């Protein structure tokens, strides 16, 4: 481990260091964060492709002392530099996707327009490319013994990582914090849409045994019908959680029930629109309602305390904003997730 005797965790974050002002290199760090600057298929607000830069800047304001996990960060957290080629490709395909979305929104038929057929093909090819790139990046790090997490980008970004997780760890489940089910098949014609991530994960990852979704409050009839016949998905709708609380149940009872649904190994997929929009007002598809941060932190902590192992996570749909508020919230969520992931996987030499 790196010598931290000359590092003052109580001082202001050093911008010459890495995420949270920490002095670790990738080689020294136990946990490596992969930024994925991609937002090709977003269907409402944009900005998440460039969130990593704002999160990095905001992270310098995060105090390193977490009373629940006072030493996790000492095992090392490193944030990779984002790949500018991925960002440029996202920017180009996003413009293509916008033209296509505008075209179909007017009721036009894609098969009757050669240019639109080509556009759709290019966007879908971009999705395949990104999935393979993310898979290769994350699998290499996992194979080297690193803990790995992903920072989006839109919610389509972690599919390749989920495949690498399955190959590395075997059977696992996903706890999804989200306003949306993300169970649409090829939404708007885009095979790897941000609204299709969980549909694709269930279809393409045999090691994925269960998805528990929490905070869902915006979904289509097609998704509603899909989950009726899909035993691998258990949904805790926002409305149902609140009604159960109104009727006298405790949040603890509901969370215990949630966790019982999950297998031993748990991956956390955190779309920031699962929170109350006051916490992330610039996220791509905000929906009224949602969790407070302490509620989701409680869920994560309960998972760990049950003896289940958190094996990875993604944080997606954090967006840029003029005052950096969304990134500020995102950086603090990211720090908590990093600490929990490290604490859930005790180092063998500690």
Protein backbone atom coordinates (compact mmCIF):
# COMPACT_ATOMS: atom_id res chain seq x y z
CA UNK A 1 0.00 0.00 0.00
CA UNK A 2 1.05 3.59 -0.58
CA UNK A 3 2.68 5.49 2.27
CA UNK A 4 0.10 8.02 3.50
CA UNK A 5 2.14 9.46 6.38
CA UNK A 6 2.68 12.75 4.55
CA UNK A 7 -0.92 13.00 3.31
CA UNK A 8 -3.27 15.17 5.37
CA UNK A 9 -6.88 13.97 4.92
CA UNK A 10 -8.16 17.05 6.76
CA UNK A 11 -6.68 19.55 4.31
CA UNK A 12 -8.37 21.01 1.25
CA UNK A 13 -8.56 18.65 -1.72
CA UNK A 14 -5.44 18.91 -3.87
CA UNK A 15 -6.37 19.40 -7.55
CA UNK A 16 -3.02 17.92 -8.54
CA UNK A 17 -4.11 14.60 -7.06
CA UNK A 18 -6.85 12.28 -8.26
CA UNK A 19 -10.54 11.89 -7.33
CA UNK A 20 -11.43 13.31 -3.87
CA UNK A 21 -7.93 14.78 -3.79
CA UNK A 22 -6.46 11.33 -3.09
CA UNK A 23 -2.79 10.69 -3.94
CA UNK A 24 -3.20 7.22 -5.46
CA UNK A 25 -2.10 6.00 -8.87
CA UNK A 26 -4.10 3.32 -10.68
CA UNK A 27 -1.46 0.77 -9.72
CA UNK A 28 -1.72 1.68 -6.02
CA UNK A 29 -5.51 1.88 -5.87
CA UNK A 30 -7.73 -1.01 -4.86
CA UNK A 31 -10.76 0.50 -6.61
CA UNK A 32 -10.62 1.95 -10.13
CA UNK A 33 -13.42 4.12 -11.50
CA UNK A 34 -14.05 4.09 -15.25
CA UNK A 35 -15.74 7.21 -16.68
CA UNK A 36 -17.84 6.56 -19.78
CA UNK A 37 -18.70 9.86 -21.56
CA UNK A 38 -21.67 8.62 -23.61
CA UNK A 39 -25.21 9.94 -24.08
CA UNK A 40 -26.17 8.99 -27.63
CA UNK A 41 -29.74 7.82 -27.02
CA UNK A 42 -30.92 10.19 -24.29
CA UNK A 43 -34.50 11.13 -25.02
CA UNK A 44 -34.92 14.37 -23.06
CA UNK A 45 -32.12 16.37 -21.36
CA UNK A 46 -28.46 16.05 -22.21
CA UNK A 47 -25.20 16.80 -20.39
CA UNK A 48 -24.39 13.49 -18.74
CA UNK A 49 -21.55 12.70 -21.18
CA UNK A 50 -19.54 15.52 -19.61
CA UNK A 51 -20.49 14.88 -16.00
CA UNK A 52 -17.20 13.18 -15.12
CA UNK A 53 -15.28 16.45 -15.36
CA UNK A 54 -17.68 18.22 -12.99
CA UNK A 55 -17.78 15.26 -10.60
CA UNK A 56 -13.98 15.26 -10.45
CA UNK A 57 -13.94 18.97 -9.63
CA UNK A 58 -16.74 18.66 -7.06
CA UNK A 59 -15.04 15.68 -5.42
CA UNK A 60 -12.34 17.97 -4.04
CA UNK A 61 -14.98 19.43 -1.71
CA UNK A 62 -15.92 16.05 -0.23
CA UNK A 63 -14.59 15.48 3.29
CA UNK A 64 -12.75 12.18 3.50
CA UNK A 65 -13.99 11.37 6.98
CA UNK A 66 -16.99 9.04 6.82
CA UNK A 67 -17.82 7.82 10.36
CA UNK A 68 -19.31 4.58 8.98
CA UNK A 69 -16.30 3.86 6.76
CA UNK A 70 -13.38 5.84 8.22
CA UNK A 71 -10.58 3.89 6.53
CA UNK A 72 -12.01 2.56 3.25
CA UNK A 73 -10.47 5.34 1.16
CA UNK A 74 -7.01 4.43 2.50
CA UNK A 75 -7.09 1.29 0.34
CA UNK A 76 -7.02 3.55 -2.69
CA UNK A 77 -9.51 5.00 -5.17
CA UNK A 78 -8.44 6.08 -8.64
CA UNK A 79 -10.49 7.79 -11.36
CA UNK A 80 -9.27 7.09 -14.87
CA UNK A 81 -9.02 9.94 -17.33
CA UNK A 82 -11.96 9.85 -19.69
CA UNK A 83 -11.32 8.69 -23.23
CA UNK A 84 -11.79 11.72 -25.48
CA UNK A 85 -12.34 9.49 -28.52
CA UNK A 86 -15.38 7.98 -26.82
CA UNK A 87 -16.70 11.47 -26.06
CA UNK A 88 -16.19 12.63 -29.66
CA UNK A 89 -17.97 9.55 -30.96
CA UNK A 90 -20.83 10.18 -28.54
CA UNK A 91 -21.12 13.81 -29.69
CA UNK A 92 -21.27 12.78 -33.35
CA UNK A 93 -23.80 9.98 -32.85
CA UNK A 94 -25.89 12.12 -30.52
CA UNK A 95 -26.47 14.61 -33.34
CA UNK A 96 -27.42 11.73 -35.62
CA UNK A 97 -29.80 10.35 -33.00
CA UNK A 98 -31.43 13.75 -32.50
CA UNK A 99 -32.23 13.97 -36.22
CA UNK A 100 -33.67 10.47 -36.13
CA UNK A 101 -35.77 11.11 -33.00
CA UNK A 102 -37.15 14.29 -34.51
CA UNK A 103 -38.02 12.40 -37.70
CA UNK A 104 -39.94 9.58 -36.00
CA UNK A 105 -41.65 12.01 -33.61
CA UNK A 106 -43.52 13.40 -36.61
CA UNK A 107 -44.87 9.98 -37.48
CA UNK A 108 -42.57 9.46 -40.44
CA UNK A 109 -41.74 5.91 -41.57
CA UNK A 110 -38.05 5.04 -41.25
CA UNK A 111 -38.11 2.34 -43.93
CA UNK A 112 -39.13 4.97 -46.47
CA UNK A 113 -36.06 7.15 -45.85
CA UNK A 114 -32.61 5.85 -46.82
CA UNK A 115 -30.80 8.48 -44.75
CA UNK A 116 -32.75 7.62 -41.61
CA UNK A 117 -32.14 3.91 -42.09
CA UNK A 118 -28.42 4.65 -42.30
CA UNK A 119 -28.60 6.88 -39.22
CA UNK A 120 -30.33 4.19 -37.17
CA UNK A 121 -27.77 1.62 -38.27
CA UNK A 122 -24.86 3.90 -37.29
CA UNK A 123 -26.31 4.62 -33.85
CA UNK A 124 -26.88 0.93 -33.17
CA UNK A 125 -23.36 0.10 -34.36
CA UNK A 126 -22.11 2.75 -31.93
CA UNK A 127 -23.93 0.95 -29.12
CA UNK A 128 -22.25 -2.35 -29.99
CA UNK A 129 -18.89 -0.59 -30.10
CA UNK A 130 -19.36 1.02 -26.69
CA UNK A 131 -20.49 -2.22 -25.05
CA UNK A 132 -17.38 -3.99 -26.32
CA UNK A 133 -15.11 -1.13 -25.25
CA UNK A 134 -16.55 -1.04 -21.73
CA UNK A 135 -16.33 -4.83 -21.48
CA UNK A 136 -12.67 -4.86 -22.50
CA UNK A 137 -11.73 -2.03 -20.15
CA UNK A 138 -13.51 -3.46 -17.11
CA UNK A 139 -12.63 -7.12 -17.71
CA UNK A 140 -8.94 -6.27 -17.88
CA UNK A 141 -9.12 -4.44 -14.55
CA UNK A 142 -11.16 -7.18 -12.89
CA UNK A 143 -8.72 -9.81 -14.13
CA UNK A 144 -5.87 -7.85 -12.54
CA UNK A 145 -7.61 -8.06 -9.16
CA UNK A 146 -9.03 -4.55 -8.99
CA UNK A 147 -12.43 -3.57 -7.69
CA UNK A 148 -14.12 -1.69 -10.50
CA UNK A 149 -16.98 0.80 -10.78
CA UNK A 150 -18.39 2.79 -13.68
CA UNK A 151 -19.38 6.45 -13.86
CA UNK A 152 -21.66 7.42 -16.75
CA UNK A 153 -22.78 8.79 -19.05
CA UNK A 154 -26.32 7.68 -19.62
CA UNK A 155 -27.72 4.46 -18.20
CA UNK A 156 -26.88 2.42 -21.31
CA UNK A 157 -23.19 2.56 -20.41
CA UNK A 158 -22.75 -0.32 -17.91
CA UNK A 159 -23.89 -3.26 -20.07
CA UNK A 160 -20.36 -4.32 -21.05
CA UNK A 161 -19.28 -4.01 -17.43
CA UNK A 162 -22.19 -6.16 -16.30
CA UNK A 163 -21.02 -8.85 -18.72
CA UNK A 164 -17.52 -8.65 -17.26
CA UNK A 165 -18.98 -8.83 -13.73
CA UNK A 166 -20.88 -12.00 -14.62
CA UNK A 167 -17.82 -13.66 -16.12
CA UNK A 168 -15.66 -12.69 -13.13
CA UNK A 169 -17.97 -13.30 -10.19
CA UNK A 170 -20.55 -15.78 -11.49
CA UNK A 171 -24.22 -15.53 -10.48
CA UNK A 172 -25.30 -12.14 -9.15
CA UNK A 173 -28.25 -9.81 -8.74
CA UNK A 174 -28.78 -6.11 -9.39
CA UNK A 175 -30.26 -3.57 -7.04
CA UNK A 176 -31.45 -0.80 -9.36
CA UNK A 177 -32.22 2.65 -7.94
CA UNK A 178 -34.17 4.41 -10.66
CA UNK A 179 -37.30 6.34 -11.60
CA UNK A 180 -37.68 4.07 -14.66
CA UNK A 181 -37.74 0.33 -15.27
CA UNK A 182 -35.42 0.56 -18.32
CA UNK A 183 -37.04 -2.61 -19.65
CA UNK A 184 -38.05 -1.35 -23.09
CA UNK A 185 -36.96 -3.42 -26.05
CA UNK A 186 -34.97 -1.28 -28.51
CA UNK A 187 -36.61 1.98 -27.41
CA UNK A 188 -37.15 4.31 -30.39
CA UNK A 189 -35.38 1.71 -32.52
CA UNK A 190 -32.10 1.99 -30.60
CA UNK A 191 -31.06 -1.51 -29.53
CA UNK A 192 -28.82 -0.22 -26.74
CA UNK A 193 -30.95 2.68 -25.57
CA UNK A 194 -30.60 4.06 -22.06
CA UNK A 195 -34.22 2.93 -21.63
CA UNK A 196 -33.32 -0.67 -22.52
CA UNK A 197 -30.35 -1.40 -20.25
CA UNK A 198 -32.11 -3.88 -17.96
CA UNK A 199 -33.95 -5.59 -20.81
CA UNK A 200 -30.61 -6.14 -22.54
CA UNK A 201 -28.92 -7.28 -19.33
CA UNK A 202 -31.58 -9.92 -18.74
CA UNK A 203 -31.34 -11.04 -22.35
CA UNK A 204 -27.55 -11.16 -22.70
CA UNK A 205 -26.11 -12.01 -19.26
CA UNK A 206 -26.86 -15.58 -18.10
CA UNK A 207 -25.28 -15.00 -14.68
CA UNK A 208 -27.83 -12.29 -13.88
CA UNK A 209 -30.39 -14.04 -11.68
CA UNK A 210 -32.43 -11.19 -10.22
CA UNK A 211 -33.09 -7.48 -10.57
CA UNK A 212 -34.71 -5.64 -7.67
CA UNK A 213 -35.86 -2.20 -8.78
CA UNK A 214 -36.60 0.48 -6.19
CA UNK A 215 -38.20 3.89 -6.62
CA UNK A 216 -39.86 3.18 -9.98
CA UNK A 217 -42.48 5.77 -10.83
CA UNK A 218 -42.50 6.21 -14.62
CA UNK A 219 -42.98 3.26 -17.00
CA UNK A 220 -44.76 2.12 -20.13
CA UNK A 221 -47.61 -0.35 -20.54
CA UNK A 222 -45.24 -2.62 -22.44
CA UNK A 223 -42.84 -2.71 -19.49
CA UNK A 224 -45.75 -3.33 -17.12
CA UNK A 225 -46.81 -6.34 -19.16
CA UNK A 226 -43.22 -7.58 -19.52
CA UNK A 227 -42.55 -7.78 -15.78
CA UNK A 228 -45.75 -9.74 -15.17
CA UNK A 229 -44.11 -12.70 -16.87
CA UNK A 230 -40.52 -12.13 -15.77
CA UNK A 231 -39.73 -13.81 -12.46
CA UNK A 232 -36.21 -12.38 -12.43
CA UNK A 233 -37.56 -8.85 -11.83
CA UNK A 234 -39.05 -7.62 -8.56
CA UNK A 235 -40.23 -4.01 -8.48
CA UNK A 236 -40.75 -1.74 -5.50
CA UNK A 237 -42.76 1.10 -6.98
CA UNK A 238 -42.46 4.55 -5.45
CA UNK A 239 -46.22 4.65 -4.87
CA UNK A 240 -46.31 1.27 -3.15
CA UNK A 241 -43.40 2.13 -0.84
CA UNK A 242 -45.09 5.35 0.22
CA UNK A 243 -48.51 3.71 0.69
CA UNK A 244 -46.98 1.00 2.85
CA UNK A 245 -45.32 3.65 4.98
CA UNK A 246 -48.61 5.55 5.26
CA UNK A 247 -50.27 2.33 6.46
CA UNK A 248 -47.79 1.92 9.30
CA UNK A 249 -45.02 -0.29 7.94
CA UNK A 250 -41.46 0.83 8.58
CA UNK A 251 -38.87 1.59 5.94
CA UNK A 252 -36.72 -1.07 7.58
CA UNK A 253 -39.37 -3.73 6.97
CA UNK A 254 -39.61 -2.80 3.30
CA UNK A 255 -35.83 -2.74 2.86
CA UNK A 256 -35.41 -6.11 4.59
CA UNK A 257 -37.95 -7.54 2.16
CA UNK A 258 -36.07 -6.00 -0.78
CA UNK A 259 -32.78 -7.49 0.30
CA UNK A 260 -34.30 -10.96 0.77
CA UNK A 261 -35.05 -10.93 -2.95
CA UNK A 262 -31.38 -10.51 -3.86
CA UNK A 263 -28.79 -13.29 -4.24
CA UNK A 264 -25.52 -13.39 -2.30
CA UNK A 265 -23.60 -11.19 -4.74
CA UNK A 266 -25.13 -7.79 -5.44
CA UNK A 267 -24.34 -5.15 -8.03
CA UNK A 268 -25.76 -1.64 -7.51
CA UNK A 269 -27.00 0.26 -10.56
CA UNK A 270 -27.71 3.81 -9.46
CA UNK A 271 -29.48 6.09 -11.92
CA UNK A 272 -29.49 9.43 -10.15
CA UNK A 273 -33.05 10.15 -11.33
CA UNK A 274 -34.07 7.63 -8.66
CA UNK A 275 -33.57 10.50 -6.21
CA UNK A 276 -35.90 13.41 -5.56
CA UNK A 277 -35.29 15.86 -8.46
CA UNK A 278 -34.28 18.59 -6.02
CA UNK A 279 -31.06 16.62 -5.62
CA UNK A 280 -30.39 16.22 -9.35
CA UNK A 281 -32.63 18.67 -11.24
CA UNK A 282 -30.62 18.50 -14.47
CA UNK A 283 -30.67 14.73 -14.92
CA UNK A 284 -31.84 13.61 -18.34
CA UNK A 285 -35.35 12.41 -17.46
CA UNK A 286 -36.38 13.77 -14.05
CA UNK A 287 -39.60 12.55 -12.40
CA UNK A 288 -41.28 14.00 -9.32
CA UNK A 289 -41.00 11.93 -6.15
CA UNK A 290 -37.98 9.80 -5.42
CA UNK A 291 -35.62 8.88 -2.60
CA UNK A 292 -33.53 11.01 -0.30
CA UNK A 293 -29.82 10.14 -0.33
CA UNK A 294 -29.91 8.82 3.24
CA UNK A 295 -32.65 6.37 2.28
CA UNK A 296 -30.56 4.77 -0.46
CA UNK A 297 -27.46 4.81 1.74
CA UNK A 298 -29.52 2.93 4.33
CA UNK A 299 -30.44 0.30 1.74
CA UNK A 300 -26.81 -0.14 0.72
CA UNK A 301 -25.64 -0.44 4.32
CA UNK A 302 -28.33 -3.01 5.09
CA UNK A 303 -27.18 -5.11 2.13
CA UNK A 304 -23.66 -5.16 3.53
CA UNK A 305 -24.80 -5.89 7.08
CA UNK A 306 -26.80 -8.92 5.96
CA UNK A 307 -23.52 -10.51 4.88
CA UNK A 308 -24.19 -10.17 1.17
CA UNK A 309 -21.32 -8.93 -0.96
CA UNK A 310 -21.52 -5.80 -3.11
CA UNK A 311 -19.37 -6.64 -6.14
CA UNK A 312 -19.60 -3.45 -8.20
CA UNK A 313 -21.67 -0.43 -9.08
CA UNK A 314 -22.43 2.17 -11.68
CA UNK A 315 -23.53 5.76 -11.16
CA UNK A 316 -25.29 7.16 -14.21
CA UNK A 317 -27.31 10.11 -15.51
CA UNK A 318 -25.55 12.72 -13.38
CA UNK A 319 -25.61 15.80 -15.59
CA UNK A 320 -23.68 19.01 -15.90
CA UNK A 321 -25.15 22.25 -14.63
CA UNK A 322 -24.05 25.87 -14.48
CA UNK A 323 -23.63 25.85 -10.70
CA UNK A 324 -22.34 22.27 -10.49
CA UNK A 325 -25.07 21.20 -8.04
CA UNK A 326 -25.80 17.84 -9.69
CA UNK A 327 -22.11 16.96 -9.79
CA UNK A 328 -21.75 17.98 -6.13
CA UNK A 329 -24.48 15.53 -5.14
CA UNK A 330 -23.07 12.95 -7.52
CA UNK A 331 -19.57 13.22 -6.04
CA UNK A 332 -20.87 12.60 -2.53
CA UNK A 333 -22.92 9.62 -3.65
CA UNK A 334 -19.87 8.32 -5.48
CA UNK A 335 -17.71 8.57 -2.35
CA UNK A 336 -20.26 6.65 -0.29
CA UNK A 337 -20.55 3.94 -2.96
CA UNK A 338 -16.77 3.63 -3.16
CA UNK A 339 -16.46 3.23 0.59
CA UNK A 340 -19.23 0.63 0.73
CA UNK A 341 -17.77 -1.39 -2.16
CA UNK A 342 -14.32 -1.46 -0.54
CA UNK A 343 -15.76 -2.32 2.88
CA UNK A 344 -17.81 -5.12 1.36
CA UNK A 345 -14.66 -6.73 -0.03
CA UNK A 346 -12.07 -6.89 2.78
CA UNK A 347 -8.52 -6.98 1.46
CA UNK A 348 -6.85 -10.32 2.14
CA UNK A 349 -3.69 -8.67 3.45
CA UNK A 350 -5.47 -6.36 5.89
